[in-house]
Amino acid sequence: QQWDFPNGWAPLQHMLVEGLIKSGLEEARSLAEEIAIRWITTNYIVYKKTGVMHEKFDVEHCGEFGGGGEYVPQTGFGWSNG
């Protein structure tokens, strides 16, 4: 529940992007770039709207933070701030 789609979090996005790049395939590199751009854009838009970084973000709707799970989503979470 905590990390179910459409929630995304920084460490997973990082692993996806790095893994795709290291595959050496041009299609994978393009997908990695698209994922990275969407992730950074979402973080930026949410920060501009709320004034804080969030623990998780909605990877389906650009500019929305994530929700659901075992507890209320946190703001200022270390991996997002990093």
Protein backbone atom coordinates (compact mmCIF):
# COMPACT_ATOMS: atom_id res chain seq x y z
CA GLN A 1 0.00 0.00 0.00
CA GLN A 2 2.72 2.42 0.93
CA TRP A 3 4.46 2.35 -2.43
CA ASP A 4 1.77 1.03 -4.75
CA PHE A 5 1.31 2.64 -8.16
CA PRO A 6 0.89 5.52 -8.80
CA ASN A 7 3.24 6.43 -5.93
CA GLY A 8 6.89 6.94 -6.79
CA TRP A 9 9.80 7.71 -4.50
CA ALA A 10 13.28 9.04 -5.11
CA PRO A 11 15.40 5.89 -4.54
CA LEU A 12 13.30 3.80 -6.92
CA GLN A 13 13.33 6.48 -9.61
CA HIS A 14 17.11 6.73 -9.27
CA MET A 15 17.54 2.95 -9.65
CA LEU A 16 15.27 2.88 -12.70
CA VAL A 17 17.09 5.69 -14.47
CA GLU A 18 20.57 4.35 -13.69
CA GLY A 19 19.63 0.80 -14.68
CA LEU A 20 18.18 1.89 -18.00
CA ILE A 21 21.23 4.01 -18.80
CA LYS A 22 23.63 1.19 -17.94
CA SER A 23 21.79 -1.19 -20.29
CA GLY A 24 23.54 0.53 -23.19
CA LEU A 25 20.42 0.54 -25.36
CA GLU A 26 19.42 3.82 -27.01
CA GLU A 27 15.71 3.14 -26.38
CA ALA A 28 16.43 2.53 -22.70
CA ARG A 29 18.49 5.73 -22.50
CA SER A 30 15.59 7.71 -24.00
CA LEU A 31 13.18 6.18 -21.49
CA ALA A 32 15.59 6.97 -18.65
CA GLU A 33 15.73 10.60 -19.76
CA GLU A 34 11.94 10.79 -19.97
CA ILE A 35 11.55 9.31 -16.47
CA ALA A 36 14.18 11.69 -15.04
CA ILE A 37 12.62 14.76 -16.64
CA ARG A 38 9.12 13.82 -15.44
CA TRP A 39 10.41 13.11 -11.93
CA ILE A 40 12.29 16.40 -11.61
CA THR A 41 9.39 18.32 -13.13
CA THR A 42 6.90 16.76 -10.72
CA ASN A 43 9.13 17.54 -7.73
CA TYR A 44 9.56 21.13 -8.89
CA ILE A 45 5.86 21.73 -9.53
CA VAL A 46 4.81 20.22 -6.20
CA TYR A 47 7.44 22.25 -4.37
CA LYS A 48 6.27 25.47 -6.04
CA LYS A 49 2.64 24.66 -5.12
CA THR A 50 3.20 23.54 -1.51
CA GLY A 51 6.52 25.07 -0.45
CA VAL A 52 7.88 21.70 0.74
CA MET A 53 9.34 18.51 -0.67
CA HIS A 54 7.28 15.36 -0.19
CA GLU A 55 8.10 11.76 0.65
CA LYS A 56 6.47 10.38 -2.49
CA PHE A 57 4.98 11.72 -5.68
CA ASP A 58 2.26 10.65 -8.08
CA VAL A 59 4.07 9.32 -11.14
CA GLU A 60 0.86 9.21 -13.15
CA HIS A 61 -0.14 12.87 -12.68
CA CYS A 62 2.72 15.30 -13.08
CA GLY A 63 2.78 17.91 -10.31
CA GLU A 64 0.91 15.88 -7.67
CA PHE A 65 2.30 14.34 -4.51
CA GLY A 66 1.57 10.76 -3.50
CA GLY A 67 -0.72 9.40 -0.85
CA GLY A 68 -2.10 6.35 0.87
CA GLY A 69 -0.34 3.68 2.86
CA GLU A 70 0.32 2.99 6.50
CA TYR A 71 0.68 6.59 7.64
CA VAL A 72 0.10 10.16 6.48
CA PRO A 73 2.69 10.97 3.77
CA GLN A 74 5.63 12.94 5.16
CA THR A 75 7.00 16.27 4.02
CA GLY A 76 10.69 17.12 4.01
CA PHE A 77 11.67 13.47 3.67
CA GLY A 78 15.43 12.90 3.39
CA TRP A 79 15.55 11.13 0.03
CA SER A 80 13.27 13.72 -1.59
CA ASN A 81 15.19 16.62 -0.09
CA GLY A 82 18.44 15.08 -1.33
